[in-house]
Amino acid sequence: MKERLIVWLVPRVVRLLILFFMYTTRWQIVGKPFSPADPQRYLLAFWHARMLMIPRICPLGTWFGYMLISSHRDGGFIADTMHLLGISTIRGSTTRGGARAMLQMVRAVRDENRHLGITPDGPKGPAQVVQRGTVQMALKAGIPVLPVCYATKRHWRVNSSWDRFYIPKPFSRGVMVMGEPVWLTAEEGVDESLRRVQQAMDEAQQRADSFFS
C-alpha cells in the first residue's frame, strides 16, 4: 500500500510544483516560438537538468508529440507527471530498451506525424554532452534537432544530482531560448553531426544563461 501511494502521489506533487514554478515566473521567448501546429516536425532537445519547465514551450495539453523517458523507476515518476500534464511519453534510453524506444519514436513521426522530445545527455550523463542516440534518432526520423534551453534570473541547483538539476525560484523572470533547427545528413558522418548538435545545444544554453547577466 505504501509503494502504491508513493507511485500515485509523487507525480501529482511534482505536477503541482511544475505548475507553480511555471505560472509564478514571467517568461520571455527568444527565437522562433514553438507551435505544435507547425507542419515541420522536430526533435526537441533539452538538457536533463533543464527538463522541468520544458512543458512551458506551448500551452499545456497542445504539444502534439512524444517525449523519451528512461525506463528506470525515477523515469516512471517523470513519465506519469508528463501524462498528467498532457504529454505522451515513450519509455527507453541508451542503456535500457534503446532500440525498441527508438523504433517507436521513429514510427511516431512517420505514422502519426508527431514531434519528439529527448534529453540528449540523459539519463545518466555525462551532463551536457550529446549522445549518439540523439543523432541517430534525428537521422532515422528525418527531422531536424531543435535545441531548447531555459534559464531564470533566480534559481536553485541540486548539487547532489549528477546533472546539478536546475529549479527556477518562484516570482522570478525566465527566458525560453529556441535555437535554430539543425538538419543532419548521413553523408556528413556521426562525429560531425554530434559536433554540430553539441554546438547548437551549447549556444542555446549560453544565450539562456547570459540573458539576465
Protein backbone atom coordinates (compact mmCIF):
# COMPACT_ATOMS: atom_id res chain seq x y z
CA MET A 1 0.00 0.00 0.00
CA LYS A 2 2.85 2.38 0.85
CA GLU A 3 4.52 1.72 -2.52
CA ARG A 4 1.26 2.26 -4.40
CA LEU A 5 0.64 5.50 -2.50
CA ILE A 6 4.12 6.80 -3.40
CA VAL A 7 3.65 5.89 -7.08
CA TRP A 8 0.30 7.71 -7.10
CA LEU A 9 1.34 10.72 -5.00
CA VAL A 10 4.79 11.72 -6.31
CA PRO A 11 3.74 12.59 -9.90
CA ARG A 12 0.83 14.67 -8.64
CA VAL A 13 3.02 16.63 -6.24
CA VAL A 14 5.64 17.20 -8.96
CA ARG A 15 2.92 18.33 -11.37
CA LEU A 16 1.72 20.93 -8.86
CA LEU A 17 5.29 22.14 -8.34
CA ILE A 18 5.85 22.44 -12.10
CA LEU A 19 2.65 24.46 -12.49
CA PHE A 20 3.58 26.64 -9.50
CA PHE A 21 7.05 27.45 -10.86
CA MET A 22 5.68 27.86 -14.38
CA TYR A 23 2.92 30.32 -13.56
CA THR A 24 4.79 32.36 -10.95
CA THR A 25 7.57 33.10 -13.44
CA ARG A 26 7.37 35.87 -16.06
CA TRP A 27 8.58 34.18 -19.24
CA GLN A 28 10.06 35.59 -22.40
CA ILE A 29 10.67 33.64 -25.60
CA VAL A 30 13.91 34.14 -27.55
CA GLY A 31 13.93 32.75 -31.06
CA LYS A 32 11.05 31.44 -33.11
CA PRO A 33 8.20 30.35 -30.79
CA PHE A 34 7.41 26.65 -30.98
CA SER A 35 4.00 25.82 -32.43
CA PRO A 36 2.61 22.27 -32.28
CA ALA A 37 0.66 23.11 -35.45
CA ASP A 38 3.87 23.74 -37.43
CA PRO A 39 3.79 21.23 -40.31
CA GLN A 40 7.54 20.75 -39.88
CA ARG A 41 8.17 18.15 -37.19
CA TYR A 42 11.13 18.50 -34.83
CA LEU A 43 13.24 16.52 -32.39
CA LEU A 44 13.26 18.92 -29.45
CA ALA A 45 16.48 18.54 -27.47
CA PHE A 46 16.93 19.89 -23.93
CA TRP A 47 19.45 19.06 -21.22
CA HIS A 48 18.38 16.64 -18.49
CA ALA A 49 18.99 19.31 -15.85
CA ARG A 50 16.52 21.65 -17.54
CA MET A 51 13.57 19.44 -18.33
CA LEU A 52 11.38 20.81 -15.53
CA MET A 53 10.00 23.81 -17.43
CA ILE A 54 10.03 22.32 -20.93
CA PRO A 55 6.21 21.90 -20.90
CA ARG A 56 6.15 25.72 -20.94
CA ILE A 57 7.15 25.83 -24.63
CA CYS A 58 3.47 25.67 -25.64
CA PRO A 59 0.04 25.75 -23.94
CA LEU A 60 -0.46 22.69 -21.77
CA GLY A 61 -2.20 19.83 -23.49
CA THR A 62 -1.41 21.04 -27.01
CA TRP A 63 2.06 19.55 -27.57
CA PHE A 64 1.47 17.00 -30.32
CA GLY A 65 4.36 14.65 -29.69
CA TYR A 66 6.19 12.14 -27.53
CA MET A 67 8.99 12.57 -25.02
CA LEU A 68 11.55 9.83 -24.49
CA ILE A 69 11.73 8.98 -20.78
CA SER A 70 14.13 6.43 -19.29
CA SER A 71 12.91 3.03 -18.12
CA HIS A 72 14.22 3.20 -14.55
CA ARG A 73 12.00 3.87 -11.53
CA ASP A 74 12.58 7.62 -11.42
CA GLY A 75 11.71 7.71 -15.10
CA GLY A 76 8.35 6.21 -14.18
CA PHE A 77 7.60 9.17 -11.92
CA ILE A 78 8.64 11.57 -14.70
CA ALA A 79 6.52 9.77 -17.29
CA ASP A 80 3.46 9.78 -15.02
CA THR A 81 3.97 13.50 -14.35
CA MET A 82 4.20 14.24 -18.07
CA HIS A 83 0.97 12.31 -18.67
CA LEU A 84 -0.77 14.44 -16.04
CA LEU A 85 0.44 17.50 -17.97
CA GLY A 86 -0.98 16.13 -21.22
CA ILE A 87 2.34 14.99 -22.69
CA SER A 88 2.67 11.48 -24.13
CA THR A 89 5.85 9.50 -23.47
CA ILE A 90 7.81 6.54 -24.76
CA ARG A 91 9.94 4.63 -22.27
CA GLY A 92 13.53 3.69 -23.00
CA SER A 93 17.09 5.02 -23.07
CA THR A 94 20.53 4.36 -24.47
CA THR A 95 21.09 1.73 -21.78
CA ARG A 96 17.68 0.06 -21.41
CA GLY A 97 15.17 -0.55 -24.17
CA GLY A 98 17.00 1.82 -26.50
CA ALA A 99 16.43 0.05 -29.84
CA ARG A 100 12.73 -0.54 -29.16
CA ALA A 101 12.21 3.02 -27.95
CA MET A 102 13.98 4.47 -30.99
CA LEU A 103 11.79 2.41 -33.31
CA GLN A 104 8.68 3.67 -31.51
CA MET A 105 9.87 7.27 -31.77
CA VAL A 106 10.63 6.97 -35.48
CA ARG A 107 7.23 5.40 -36.12
CA ALA A 108 5.57 8.22 -34.16
CA VAL A 109 6.97 10.66 -36.72
CA ARG A 110 6.33 8.60 -39.83
CA ASP A 111 2.95 7.10 -38.94
CA GLU A 112 1.45 9.69 -36.57
CA ASN A 113 3.24 12.86 -37.73
CA ARG A 114 4.31 13.66 -34.17
CA HIS A 115 7.01 15.89 -32.71
CA LEU A 116 9.63 14.23 -30.49
CA GLY A 117 11.42 15.33 -27.33
CA ILE A 118 14.67 13.99 -25.85
CA THR A 119 17.34 14.79 -23.26
CA PRO A 120 20.50 14.22 -25.32
CA ASP A 121 22.65 13.78 -22.20
CA GLY A 122 20.19 11.55 -20.31
CA PRO A 123 19.51 9.51 -18.38
CA LYS A 124 22.90 9.37 -16.64
CA GLY A 125 25.23 11.73 -18.48
CA PRO A 126 27.87 12.94 -18.86
CA ALA A 127 25.98 16.15 -18.19
CA GLN A 128 25.54 18.47 -21.18
CA VAL A 129 27.23 16.08 -23.60
CA VAL A 130 25.16 14.98 -26.61
CA GLN A 131 24.97 11.22 -27.01
CA ARG A 132 24.96 9.38 -30.33
CA GLY A 133 21.34 8.24 -29.88
CA THR A 134 20.09 11.79 -30.46
CA VAL A 135 21.82 12.00 -33.83
CA GLN A 136 20.70 8.50 -34.83
CA MET A 137 17.10 9.27 -33.95
CA ALA A 138 17.05 12.51 -35.92
CA LEU A 139 18.56 10.80 -38.96
CA LYS A 140 16.20 7.82 -38.85
CA ALA A 141 13.14 10.04 -38.35
CA GLY A 142 14.27 12.52 -41.00
CA ILE A 143 13.63 15.57 -38.81
CA PRO A 144 15.88 18.38 -37.55
CA VAL A 145 17.10 18.74 -33.98
CA LEU A 146 15.63 21.82 -32.28
CA PRO A 147 17.75 22.95 -29.28
CA VAL A 148 15.79 24.36 -26.34
CA CYS A 149 17.10 25.79 -23.08
CA TYR A 150 15.57 27.91 -20.35
CA ALA A 151 17.01 29.97 -17.53
CA THR A 152 15.61 32.14 -14.76
CA LYS A 153 17.07 35.16 -13.06
CA ARG A 154 16.91 33.35 -9.72
CA HIS A 155 17.15 29.59 -9.34
CA TRP A 156 18.43 26.66 -7.31
CA ARG A 157 20.89 23.95 -8.42
CA VAL A 158 20.71 20.47 -6.86
CA ASN A 159 24.40 19.77 -6.26
CA SER A 160 23.73 16.21 -5.14
CA SER A 161 22.41 15.16 -8.57
CA TRP A 162 24.72 14.14 -11.42
CA ASP A 163 23.44 16.97 -13.64
CA ARG A 164 23.05 19.66 -10.94
CA PHE A 165 19.31 19.82 -11.65
CA TYR A 166 18.03 23.34 -12.33
CA ILE A 167 14.97 24.59 -10.42
CA PRO A 168 13.53 28.08 -11.00
CA LYS A 169 12.79 30.18 -7.96
CA PRO A 170 9.18 31.41 -7.96
CA PHE A 171 8.28 35.03 -8.70
CA SER A 172 11.32 35.50 -10.90
CA ARG A 173 11.86 36.22 -14.60
CA GLY A 174 12.52 33.45 -17.09
CA VAL A 175 13.67 33.03 -20.67
CA MET A 176 12.99 30.15 -23.04
CA VAL A 177 15.58 30.04 -25.81
CA MET A 178 14.55 28.29 -29.02
CA GLY A 179 17.65 27.60 -31.08
CA GLU A 180 17.96 27.20 -34.82
CA PRO A 181 16.96 23.76 -36.20
CA VAL A 182 19.93 21.53 -37.01
CA TRP A 183 19.42 19.43 -40.14
CA LEU A 184 21.61 16.32 -40.29
CA THR A 185 22.62 14.13 -43.21
CA ALA A 186 24.04 10.62 -43.25
CA GLU A 187 26.78 11.77 -45.62
CA GLU A 188 28.44 14.08 -43.07
CA GLY A 189 29.11 11.24 -40.60
CA VAL A 190 28.10 10.77 -36.97
CA ASP A 191 31.07 12.65 -35.49
CA GLU A 192 30.35 15.80 -37.50
CA SER A 193 26.62 15.54 -36.69
CA LEU A 194 27.44 15.22 -33.00
CA ARG A 195 29.71 18.25 -33.19
CA ARG A 196 27.05 20.42 -34.82
CA VAL A 197 24.27 19.36 -32.41
CA GLN A 198 26.60 19.87 -29.42
CA GLN A 199 27.48 23.35 -30.69
CA ALA A 200 23.81 24.25 -31.15
CA MET A 201 22.93 22.99 -27.66
CA ASP A 202 25.83 24.91 -26.11
CA GLU A 203 24.83 28.09 -27.92
CA ALA A 204 21.21 27.84 -26.73
CA GLN A 205 22.39 27.31 -23.15
CA GLN A 206 24.86 30.19 -23.34
CA ARG A 207 22.14 32.53 -24.62
CA ALA A 208 19.80 31.45 -21.83
CA ASP A 209 22.38 31.66 -19.04
CA SER A 210 23.68 35.08 -20.14
CA PHE A 211 20.24 36.61 -20.69
CA PHE A 212 19.95 38.11 -17.18
CA SER A 213 23.64 38.93 -16.68
